Amino acid sequence: MTAEEKDRIECAIRHIQTAVDIDPWAREIAVEAMKKQIPKKPNYKEEDRFVKELFAVYTYCPVCKKEVDVDDMYCVCCGQAIDWTEGE
């Protein structure tokens, strides 16, 4: 996601949050859905799940904490966009 795309989503979120003619429940649902479109880095955790002394790194959604595969652009459980880029 480019910085411009992120800025546009954040601007849209601000507009929705300040709109007075939108049902509060619908506003909350829309804002949460839009926030999930901004990619977040996954959480990494080293675990020894199957065999003692054999460690592997597993990745988890930063929002719902469910395991995500490195192929997933979005968490299959909650829909959060995942940022797999290196750095930061």
PDB file of N, CA and C in Angstrom:
ATOM      1  N   MET A   1       0.845  -1.167   0.000  1.00  0.00           N
ATOM      2  CA  MET A   1       0.000   0.000   0.000  1.00  0.00           C
ATOM      3  C   MET A   1       0.893   1.234   0.000  1.00  0.00           C
ATOM      4  N   THR A   2       0.543   2.174  -0.833  1.00  0.00           N
ATOM      5  CA  THR A   2       1.326   3.398  -0.893  1.00  0.00           C
ATOM      6  C   THR A   2       0.915   4.340   0.240  1.00  0.00           C
ATOM      7  N   ALA A   3       1.766   5.315   0.496  1.00  0.00           N
ATOM      8  CA  ALA A   3       1.459   6.310   1.530  1.00  0.00           C
ATOM      9  C   ALA A   3       0.207   7.098   1.146  1.00  0.00           C
ATOM     10  N   GLU A   4       0.025   7.364  -0.142  1.00  0.00           N
ATOM     11  CA  GLU A   4      -1.160   8.090  -0.599  1.00  0.00           C
ATOM     12  C   GLU A   4      -2.432   7.288  -0.343  1.00  0.00           C
ATOM     13  N   GLU A   5      -2.393   5.989  -0.617  1.00  0.00           N
ATOM     14  CA  GLU A   5      -3.563   5.138  -0.366  1.00  0.00           C
ATOM     15  C   GLU A   5      -3.895   5.116   1.122  1.00  0.00           C
ATOM     16  N   LYS A   6      -2.862   5.000   1.953  1.00  0.00           N
ATOM     17  CA  LYS A   6      -3.073   4.997   3.399  1.00  0.00           C
ATOM     18  C   LYS A   6      -3.685   6.320   3.850  1.00  0.00           C
ATOM     19  N   ASP A   7      -3.175   7.433   3.343  1.00  0.00           N
ATOM     20  CA  ASP A   7      -3.719   8.749   3.693  1.00  0.00           C
ATOM     21  C   ASP A   7      -5.181   8.884   3.282  1.00  0.00           C
ATOM     22  N   ARG A   8      -5.524   8.354   2.107  1.00  0.00           N
ATOM     23  CA  ARG A   8      -6.917   8.433   1.641  1.00  0.00           C
ATOM     24  C   ARG A   8      -7.851   7.632   2.545  1.00  0.00           C
ATOM     25  N   ILE A   9      -7.420   6.455   2.974  1.00  0.00           N
ATOM     26  CA  ILE A   9      -8.242   5.652   3.881  1.00  0.00           C
ATOM     27  C   ILE A   9      -8.404   6.366   5.218  1.00  0.00           C
ATOM     28  N   GLU A  10      -7.315   6.908   5.754  1.00  0.00           N
ATOM     29  CA  GLU A  10      -7.390   7.610   7.031  1.00  0.00           C
ATOM     30  C   GLU A  10      -8.270   8.849   6.936  1.00  0.00           C
ATOM     31  N   CYS A  11      -8.235   9.543   5.812  1.00  0.00           N
ATOM     32  CA  CYS A  11      -9.103  10.708   5.591  1.00  0.00           C
ATOM     33  C   CYS A  11     -10.569  10.272   5.546  1.00  0.00           C
ATOM     34  N   ALA A  12     -10.853   9.183   4.836  1.00  0.00           N
ATOM     35  CA  ALA A  12     -12.226   8.668   4.762  1.00  0.00           C
ATOM     36  C   ALA A  12     -12.728   8.259   6.147  1.00  0.00           C
ATOM     37  N   ILE A  13     -11.847   7.657   6.946  1.00  0.00           N
ATOM     38  CA  ILE A  13     -12.223   7.268   8.307  1.00  0.00           C
ATOM     39  C   ILE A  13     -12.603   8.500   9.117  1.00  0.00           C
ATOM     40  N   ARG A  14     -11.806   9.558   9.020  1.00  0.00           N
ATOM     41  CA  ARG A  14     -12.119  10.796   9.760  1.00  0.00           C
ATOM     42  C   ARG A  14     -13.465  11.372   9.338  1.00  0.00           C
ATOM     43  N   HIS A  15     -13.753  11.343   8.036  1.00  0.00           N
ATOM     44  CA  HIS A  15     -15.031  11.860   7.542  1.00  0.00           C
ATOM     45  C   HIS A  15     -16.201  11.042   8.086  1.00  0.00           C
ATOM     46  N   ILE A  16     -16.056   9.739   8.077  1.00  0.00           N
ATOM     47  CA  ILE A  16     -17.129   8.876   8.586  1.00  0.00           C
ATOM     48  C   ILE A  16     -17.334   9.095  10.082  1.00  0.00           C
ATOM     49  N   GLN A  17     -16.234   9.236  10.822  1.00  0.00           N
ATOM     50  CA  GLN A  17     -16.333   9.411  12.268  1.00  0.00           C
ATOM     51  C   GLN A  17     -17.027  10.719  12.644  1.00  0.00           C
ATOM     52  N   THR A  18     -16.934  11.733  11.805  1.00  0.00           N
ATOM     53  CA  THR A  18     -17.540  13.032  12.127  1.00  0.00           C
ATOM     54  C   THR A  18     -18.899  13.235  11.475  1.00  0.00           C
ATOM     55  N   ALA A  19     -19.333  12.302  10.633  1.00  0.00           N
ATOM     56  CA  ALA A  19     -20.636  12.434   9.981  1.00  0.00           C
ATOM     57  C   ALA A  19     -21.755  12.303  11.008  1.00  0.00           C
ATOM     58  N   VAL A  20     -22.726  13.217  10.945  1.00  0.00           N
ATOM     59  CA  VAL A  20     -23.812  13.199  11.931  1.00  0.00           C
ATOM     60  C   VAL A  20     -25.033  12.430  11.447  1.00  0.00           C
ATOM     61  N   ASP A  21     -25.120  12.171  10.147  1.00  0.00           N
ATOM     62  CA  ASP A  21     -26.310  11.514   9.605  1.00  0.00           C
ATOM     63  C   ASP A  21     -26.146  10.005   9.419  1.00  0.00           C
ATOM     64  N   ILE A  22     -25.136   9.420  10.062  1.00  0.00           N
ATOM     65  CA  ILE A  22     -24.907   7.979   9.971  1.00  0.00           C
ATOM     66  C   ILE A  22     -25.215   7.339  11.318  1.00  0.00           C
ATOM     67  N   ASP A  23     -25.934   6.230  11.272  1.00  0.00           N
ATOM     68  CA  ASP A  23     -26.239   5.472  12.488  1.00  0.00           C
ATOM     69  C   ASP A  23     -24.932   5.115  13.192  1.00  0.00           C
ATOM     70  N   PRO A  24     -24.829   5.339  14.510  1.00  0.00           N
ATOM     71  CA  PRO A  24     -23.577   5.056  15.232  1.00  0.00           C
ATOM     72  C   PRO A  24     -23.078   3.619  15.062  1.00  0.00           C
ATOM     73  N   TRP A  25     -23.978   2.668  15.056  1.00  0.00           N
ATOM     74  CA  TRP A  25     -23.590   1.272  14.881  1.00  0.00           C
ATOM     75  C   TRP A  25     -22.974   1.060  13.501  1.00  0.00           C
ATOM     76  N   ALA A  26     -23.616   1.610  12.466  1.00  0.00           N
ATOM     77  CA  ALA A  26     -23.113   1.487  11.103  1.00  0.00           C
ATOM     78  C   ALA A  26     -21.775   2.211  10.965  1.00  0.00           C
ATOM     79  N   ARG A  27     -21.628   3.342  11.626  1.00  0.00           N
ATOM     80  CA  ARG A  27     -20.373   4.099  11.590  1.00  0.00           C
ATOM     81  C   ARG A  27     -19.237   3.257  12.158  1.00  0.00           C
ATOM     82  N   GLU A  28     -19.490   2.620  13.294  1.00  0.00           N
ATOM     83  CA  GLU A  28     -18.455   1.797  13.930  1.00  0.00           C
ATOM     84  C   GLU A  28     -18.032   0.631  13.033  1.00  0.00           C
ATOM     85  N   ILE A  29     -19.004  -0.021  12.425  1.00  0.00           N
ATOM     86  CA  ILE A  29     -18.717  -1.145  11.517  1.00  0.00           C
ATOM     87  C   ILE A  29     -17.885  -0.661  10.325  1.00  0.00           C
ATOM     88  N   ALA A  30     -18.266   0.477   9.730  1.00  0.00           N
ATOM     89  CA  ALA A  30     -17.548   1.006   8.563  1.00  0.00           C
ATOM     90  C   ALA A  30     -16.118   1.398   8.922  1.00  0.00           C
ATOM     91  N   VAL A  31     -15.936   2.053  10.054  1.00  0.00           N
ATOM     92  CA  VAL A  31     -14.601   2.480  10.467  1.00  0.00           C
ATOM     93  C   VAL A  31     -13.710   1.276  10.731  1.00  0.00           C
ATOM     94  N   GLU A  32     -14.213   0.263  11.418  1.00  0.00           N
ATOM     95  CA  GLU A  32     -13.409  -0.929  11.705  1.00  0.00           C
ATOM     96  C   GLU A  32     -13.017  -1.642  10.405  1.00  0.00           C
ATOM     97  N   ALA A  33     -13.934  -1.719   9.454  1.00  0.00           N
ATOM     98  CA  ALA A  33     -13.632  -2.376   8.178  1.00  0.00           C
ATOM     99  C   ALA A  33     -12.568  -1.601   7.411  1.00  0.00           C
ATOM    100  N   MET A  34     -12.653  -0.284   7.438  1.00  0.00           N
ATOM    101  CA  MET A  34     -11.661   0.529   6.720  1.00  0.00           C
ATOM    102  C   MET A  34     -10.296   0.462   7.384  1.00  0.00           C
ATOM    103  N   LYS A  35     -10.253   0.424   8.710  1.00  0.00           N
ATOM    104  CA  LYS A  35      -8.976   0.323   9.414  1.00  0.00           C
ATOM    105  C   LYS A  35      -8.248  -0.963   9.063  1.00  0.00           C
ATOM    106  N   LYS A  36      -9.005  -2.039   8.824  1.00  0.00           N
ATOM    107  CA  LYS A  36      -8.384  -3.324   8.496  1.00  0.00           C
ATOM    108  C   LYS A  36      -7.771  -3.342   7.107  1.00  0.00           C
ATOM    109  N   GLN A  37      -8.071  -2.339   6.285  1.00  0.00           N
ATOM    110  CA  GLN A  37      -7.476  -2.264   4.957  1.00  0.00           C
ATOM    111  C   GLN A  37      -6.069  -1.683   4.993  1.00  0.00           C
ATOM    112  N   ILE A  38      -5.691  -1.078   6.115  1.00  0.00           N
ATOM    113  CA  ILE A  38      -4.331  -0.561   6.281  1.00  0.00           C
ATOM    114  C   ILE A  38      -3.482  -1.714   6.807  1.00  0.00           C
ATOM    115  N   PRO A  39      -2.527  -2.199   6.006  1.00  0.00           N
ATOM    116  CA  PRO A  39      -1.743  -3.375   6.402  1.00  0.00           C
ATOM    117  C   PRO A  39      -0.955  -3.167   7.693  1.00  0.00           C
ATOM    118  N   LYS A  40      -0.915  -4.210   8.505  1.00  0.00           N
ATOM    119  CA  LYS A  40      -0.123  -4.220   9.734  1.00  0.00           C
ATOM    120  C   LYS A  40       0.845  -5.391   9.680  1.00  0.00           C
ATOM    121  N   LYS A  41       1.985  -5.205  10.315  1.00  0.00           N
ATOM    122  CA  LYS A  41       2.984  -6.263  10.386  1.00  0.00           C
ATOM    123  C   LYS A  41       2.460  -7.419  11.236  1.00  0.00           C
ATOM    124  N   PRO A  42       2.734  -8.658  10.831  1.00  0.00           N
ATOM    125  CA  PRO A  42       2.323  -9.797  11.659  1.00  0.00           C
ATOM    126  C   PRO A  42       3.210  -9.903  12.889  1.00  0.00           C
ATOM    127  N   ASN A  43       2.729 -10.592  13.886  1.00  0.00           N
ATOM    128  CA  ASN A  43       3.537 -10.889  15.069  1.00  0.00           C
ATOM    129  C   ASN A  43       4.277 -12.193  14.808  1.00  0.00           C
ATOM    130  N   TYR A  44       5.550 -12.237  15.181  1.00  0.00           N
ATOM    131  CA  TYR A  44       6.371 -13.434  15.003  1.00  0.00           C
ATOM    132  C   TYR A  44       6.630 -14.063  16.360  1.00  0.00           C
ATOM    133  N   LYS A  45       6.566 -15.387  16.405  1.00  0.00           N
ATOM    134  CA  LYS A  45       6.810 -16.087  17.657  1.00  0.00           C
ATOM    135  C   LYS A  45       7.523 -17.397  17.357  1.00  0.00           C
ATOM    136  N   GLU A  46       8.589 -17.653  18.095  1.00  0.00           N
ATOM    137  CA  GLU A  46       9.329 -18.902  17.943  1.00  0.00           C
ATOM    138  C   GLU A  46       8.719 -19.930  18.887  1.00  0.00           C
ATOM    139  N   GLU A  47       8.384 -21.091  18.367  1.00  0.00           N
ATOM    140  CA  GLU A  47       7.730 -22.122  19.178  1.00  0.00           C
ATOM    141  C   GLU A  47       8.338 -23.494  18.906  1.00  0.00           C
ATOM    142  N   ASP A  48       8.224 -24.363  19.889  1.00  0.00           N
ATOM    143  CA  ASP A  48       8.614 -25.758  19.707  1.00  0.00           C
ATOM    144  C   ASP A  48       7.356 -26.612  19.811  1.00  0.00           C
ATOM    145  N   ARG A  49       6.578 -26.629  18.765  1.00  0.00           N
ATOM    146  CA  ARG A  49       5.271 -27.278  18.797  1.00  0.00           C
ATOM    147  C   ARG A  49       5.316 -28.798  18.743  1.00  0.00           C
ATOM    148  N   PHE A  50       6.167 -29.351  17.918  1.00  0.00           N
ATOM    149  CA  PHE A  50       6.065 -30.775  17.651  1.00  0.00           C
ATOM    150  C   PHE A  50       7.178 -31.620  18.268  1.00  0.00           C
ATOM    151  N   VAL A  51       8.370 -31.144  18.221  1.00  0.00           N
ATOM    152  CA  VAL A  51       9.499 -31.929  18.705  1.00  0.00           C
ATOM    153  C   VAL A  51      10.348 -31.036  19.602  1.00  0.00           C
ATOM    154  N   LYS A  52      10.740 -31.565  20.742  1.00  0.00           N
ATOM    155  CA  LYS A  52      11.614 -30.799  21.636  1.00  0.00           C
ATOM    156  C   LYS A  52      12.880 -30.381  20.899  1.00  0.00           C
ATOM    157  N   GLU A  53      13.343 -29.199  21.208  1.00  0.00           N
ATOM    158  CA  GLU A  53      14.565 -28.639  20.644  1.00  0.00           C
ATOM    159  C   GLU A  53      14.463 -28.353  19.146  1.00  0.00           C
ATOM    160  N   LEU A  54      13.275 -28.394  18.575  1.00  0.00           N
ATOM    161  CA  LEU A  54      13.077 -28.008  17.180  1.00  0.00           C
ATOM    162  C   LEU A  54      12.189 -26.773  17.194  1.00  0.00           C
ATOM    163  N   PHE A  55      12.787 -25.645  16.865  1.00  0.00           N
ATOM    164  CA  PHE A  55      12.047 -24.394  16.916  1.00  0.00           C
ATOM    165  C   PHE A  55      11.694 -23.928  15.507  1.00  0.00           C
ATOM    166  N   ALA A  56      10.553 -23.357  15.384  1.00  0.00           N
ATOM    167  CA  ALA A  56      10.111 -22.771  14.123  1.00  0.00           C
ATOM    168  C   ALA A  56       9.478 -21.424  14.423  1.00  0.00           C
ATOM    169  N   VAL A  57       9.510 -20.540  13.458  1.00  0.00           N
ATOM    170  CA  VAL A  57       8.898 -19.225  13.640  1.00  0.00           C
ATOM    171  C   VAL A  57       7.503 -19.268  13.029  1.00  0.00           C
ATOM    172  N   TYR A  58       6.520 -18.877  13.806  1.00  0.00           N
ATOM    173  CA  TYR A  58       5.137 -18.820  13.363  1.00  0.00           C
ATOM    174  C   TYR A  58       4.690 -17.378  13.344  1.00  0.00           C
ATOM    175  N   THR A  59       3.764 -17.059  12.458  1.00  0.00           N
ATOM    176  CA  THR A  59       3.279 -15.691  12.331  1.00  0.00           C
ATOM    177  C   THR A  59       1.811 -15.615  12.735  1.00  0.00           C
ATOM    178  N   TYR A  60       1.476 -14.509  13.402  1.00  0.00           N
ATOM    179  CA  TYR A  60       0.128 -14.317  13.926  1.00  0.00           C
ATOM    180  C   TYR A  60      -0.414 -12.962  13.532  1.00  0.00           C
ATOM    181  N   CYS A  61      -1.714 -12.888  13.340  1.00  0.00           N
ATOM    182  CA  CYS A  61      -2.397 -11.637  13.016  1.00  0.00           C
ATOM    183  C   CYS A  61      -2.206 -10.657  14.174  1.00  0.00           C
ATOM    184  N   PRO A  62      -1.871  -9.401  13.888  1.00  0.00           N
ATOM    185  CA  PRO A  62      -1.684  -8.422  14.953  1.00  0.00           C
ATOM    186  C   PRO A  62      -2.996  -7.990  15.608  1.00  0.00           C
ATOM    187  N   VAL A  63      -4.136  -8.320  14.996  1.00  0.00           N
ATOM    188  CA  VAL A  63      -5.436  -7.916  15.536  1.00  0.00           C
ATOM    189  C   VAL A  63      -6.093  -9.044  16.332  1.00  0.00           C
ATOM    190  N   CYS A  64      -6.326 -10.187  15.681  1.00  0.00           N
ATOM    191  CA  CYS A  64      -7.067 -11.270  16.349  1.00  0.00           C
ATOM    192  C   CYS A  64      -6.161 -12.348  16.931  1.00  0.00           C
ATOM    193  N   LYS A  65      -4.863 -12.279  16.644  1.00  0.00           N
ATOM    194  CA  LYS A  65      -3.855 -13.199  17.191  1.00  0.00           C
ATOM    195  C   LYS A  65      -3.954 -14.624  16.652  1.00  0.00           C
ATOM    196  N   LYS A  66      -4.701 -14.840  15.574  1.00  0.00           N
ATOM    197  CA  LYS A  66      -4.769 -16.159  14.944  1.00  0.00           C
ATOM    198  C   LYS A  66      -3.576 -16.334  14.014  1.00  0.00           C
ATOM    199  N   GLU A  67      -3.166 -17.566  13.799  1.00  0.00           N
ATOM    200  CA  GLU A  67      -2.016 -17.842  12.943  1.00  0.00           C
ATOM    201  C   GLU A  67      -2.335 -17.476  11.491  1.00  0.00           C
ATOM    202  N   VAL A  68      -1.372 -16.841  10.810  1.00  0.00           N
ATOM    203  CA  VAL A  68      -1.513 -16.511   9.395  1.00  0.00           C
ATOM    204  C   VAL A  68      -0.344 -17.123   8.625  1.00  0.00           C
ATOM    205  N   ASP A  69      -0.616 -17.526   7.395  1.00  0.00           N
ATOM    206  CA  ASP A  69       0.417 -18.080   6.529  1.00  0.00           C
ATOM    207  C   ASP A  69       1.109 -16.949   5.781  1.00  0.00           C
ATOM    208  N   VAL A  70       2.359 -17.160   5.418  1.00  0.00           N
ATOM    209  CA  VAL A  70       3.104 -16.124   4.716  1.00  0.00           C
ATOM    210  C   VAL A  70       2.525 -15.807   3.336  1.00  0.00           C
ATOM    211  N   ASP A  71       1.655 -16.653   2.816  1.00  0.00           N
ATOM    212  CA  ASP A  71       1.001 -16.393   1.529  1.00  0.00           C
ATOM    213  C   ASP A  71      -0.211 -15.480   1.675  1.00  0.00           C
ATOM    214  N   ASP A  72      -0.729 -15.338   2.878  1.00  0.00           N
ATOM    215  CA  ASP A  72      -1.975 -14.602   3.103  1.00  0.00           C
ATOM    216  C   ASP A  72      -1.767 -13.096   3.061  1.00  0.00           C
ATOM    217  N   MET A  73      -2.534 -12.429   2.215  1.00  0.00           N
ATOM    218  CA  MET A  73      -2.512 -10.968   2.188  1.00  0.00           C
ATOM    219  C   MET A  73      -3.418 -10.404   3.279  1.00  0.00           C
ATOM    220  N   TYR A  74      -4.399 -11.212   3.684  1.00  0.00           N
ATOM    221  CA  TYR A  74      -5.350 -10.832   4.726  1.00  0.00           C
ATOM    222  C   TYR A  74      -5.495 -11.984   5.711  1.00  0.00           C
ATOM    223  N   CYS A  75      -5.785 -11.654   6.948  1.00  0.00           N
ATOM    224  CA  CYS A  75      -6.076 -12.686   7.946  1.00  0.00           C
ATOM    225  C   CYS A  75      -7.390 -13.356   7.563  1.00  0.00           C
ATOM    226  N   VAL A  76      -7.392 -14.676   7.518  1.00  0.00           N
ATOM    227  CA  VAL A  76      -8.611 -15.390   7.137  1.00  0.00           C
ATOM    228  C   VAL A  76      -9.663 -15.356   8.245  1.00  0.00           C
ATOM    229  N   CYS A  77      -9.268 -14.991   9.447  1.00  0.00           N
ATOM    230  CA  CYS A  77     -10.219 -14.947  10.553  1.00  0.00           C
ATOM    231  C   CYS A  77     -10.912 -13.588  10.690  1.00  0.00           C
ATOM    232  N   CYS A  78     -10.131 -12.496  10.637  1.00  0.00           N
ATOM    233  CA  CYS A  78     -10.729 -11.182  10.896  1.00  0.00           C
ATOM    234  C   CYS A  78     -10.658 -10.220   9.715  1.00  0.00           C
ATOM    235  N   GLY A  79      -9.884 -10.544   8.677  1.00  0.00           N
ATOM    236  CA  GLY A  79      -9.822  -9.691   7.499  1.00  0.00           C
ATOM    237  C   GLY A  79      -8.766  -8.605   7.534  1.00  0.00           C
ATOM    238  N   GLN A  80      -7.944  -8.564   8.560  1.00  0.00           N
ATOM    239  CA  GLN A  80      -6.889  -7.550   8.643  1.00  0.00           C
ATOM    240  C   GLN A  80      -5.877  -7.746   7.527  1.00  0.00           C
ATOM    241  N   ALA A  81      -5.541  -6.664   6.809  1.00  0.00           N
ATOM    242  CA  ALA A  81      -4.496  -6.725   5.785  1.00  0.00           C
ATOM    243  C   ALA A  81      -3.149  -6.926   6.474  1.00  0.00           C
ATOM    244  N   ILE A  82      -2.334  -7.810   5.926  1.00  0.00           N
ATOM    245  CA  ILE A  82      -1.043  -8.142   6.505  1.00  0.00           C
ATOM    246  C   ILE A  82       0.085  -7.553   5.661  1.00  0.00           C
ATOM    247  N   ASP A  83       1.031  -6.897   6.302  1.00  0.00           N
ATOM    248  CA  ASP A  83       2.180  -6.281   5.636  1.00  0.00           C
ATOM    249  C   ASP A  83       3.388  -7.194   5.813  1.00  0.00           C
ATOM    250  N   TRP A  84       3.786  -7.866   4.746  1.00  0.00           N
ATOM    251  CA  TRP A  84       4.911  -8.804   4.800  1.00  0.00           C
ATOM    252  C   TRP A  84       6.225  -8.170   4.378  1.00  0.00           C
ATOM    253  N   THR A  85       6.234  -6.867   4.097  1.00  0.00           N
ATOM    254  CA  THR A  85       7.471  -6.227   3.666  1.00  0.00           C
ATOM    255  C   THR A  85       8.471  -6.216   4.810  1.00  0.00           C
ATOM    256  N   GLU A  86       9.739  -6.259   4.444  1.00  0.00           N
ATOM    257  CA  GLU A  86      10.804  -6.258   5.461  1.00  0.00           C
ATOM    258  C   GLU A  86      11.070  -4.839   5.929  1.00  0.00           C
ATOM    259  N   GLY A  87      11.613  -4.722   7.119  1.00  0.00           N
ATOM    260  CA  GLY A  87      11.998  -3.418   7.635  1.00  0.00           C
ATOM    261  C   GLY A  87      10.985  -2.852   8.610  1.00  0.00           C
ATOM    262  N   GLU A  88      11.292  -1.655   9.063  1.00  0.00           N
ATOM    263  CA  GLU A  88      10.483  -0.918  10.036  1.00  0.00           C
ATOM    264  C   GLU A  88      10.279  -1.735  11.256  1.00  0.00           C
TER     265      GLU A  88
END
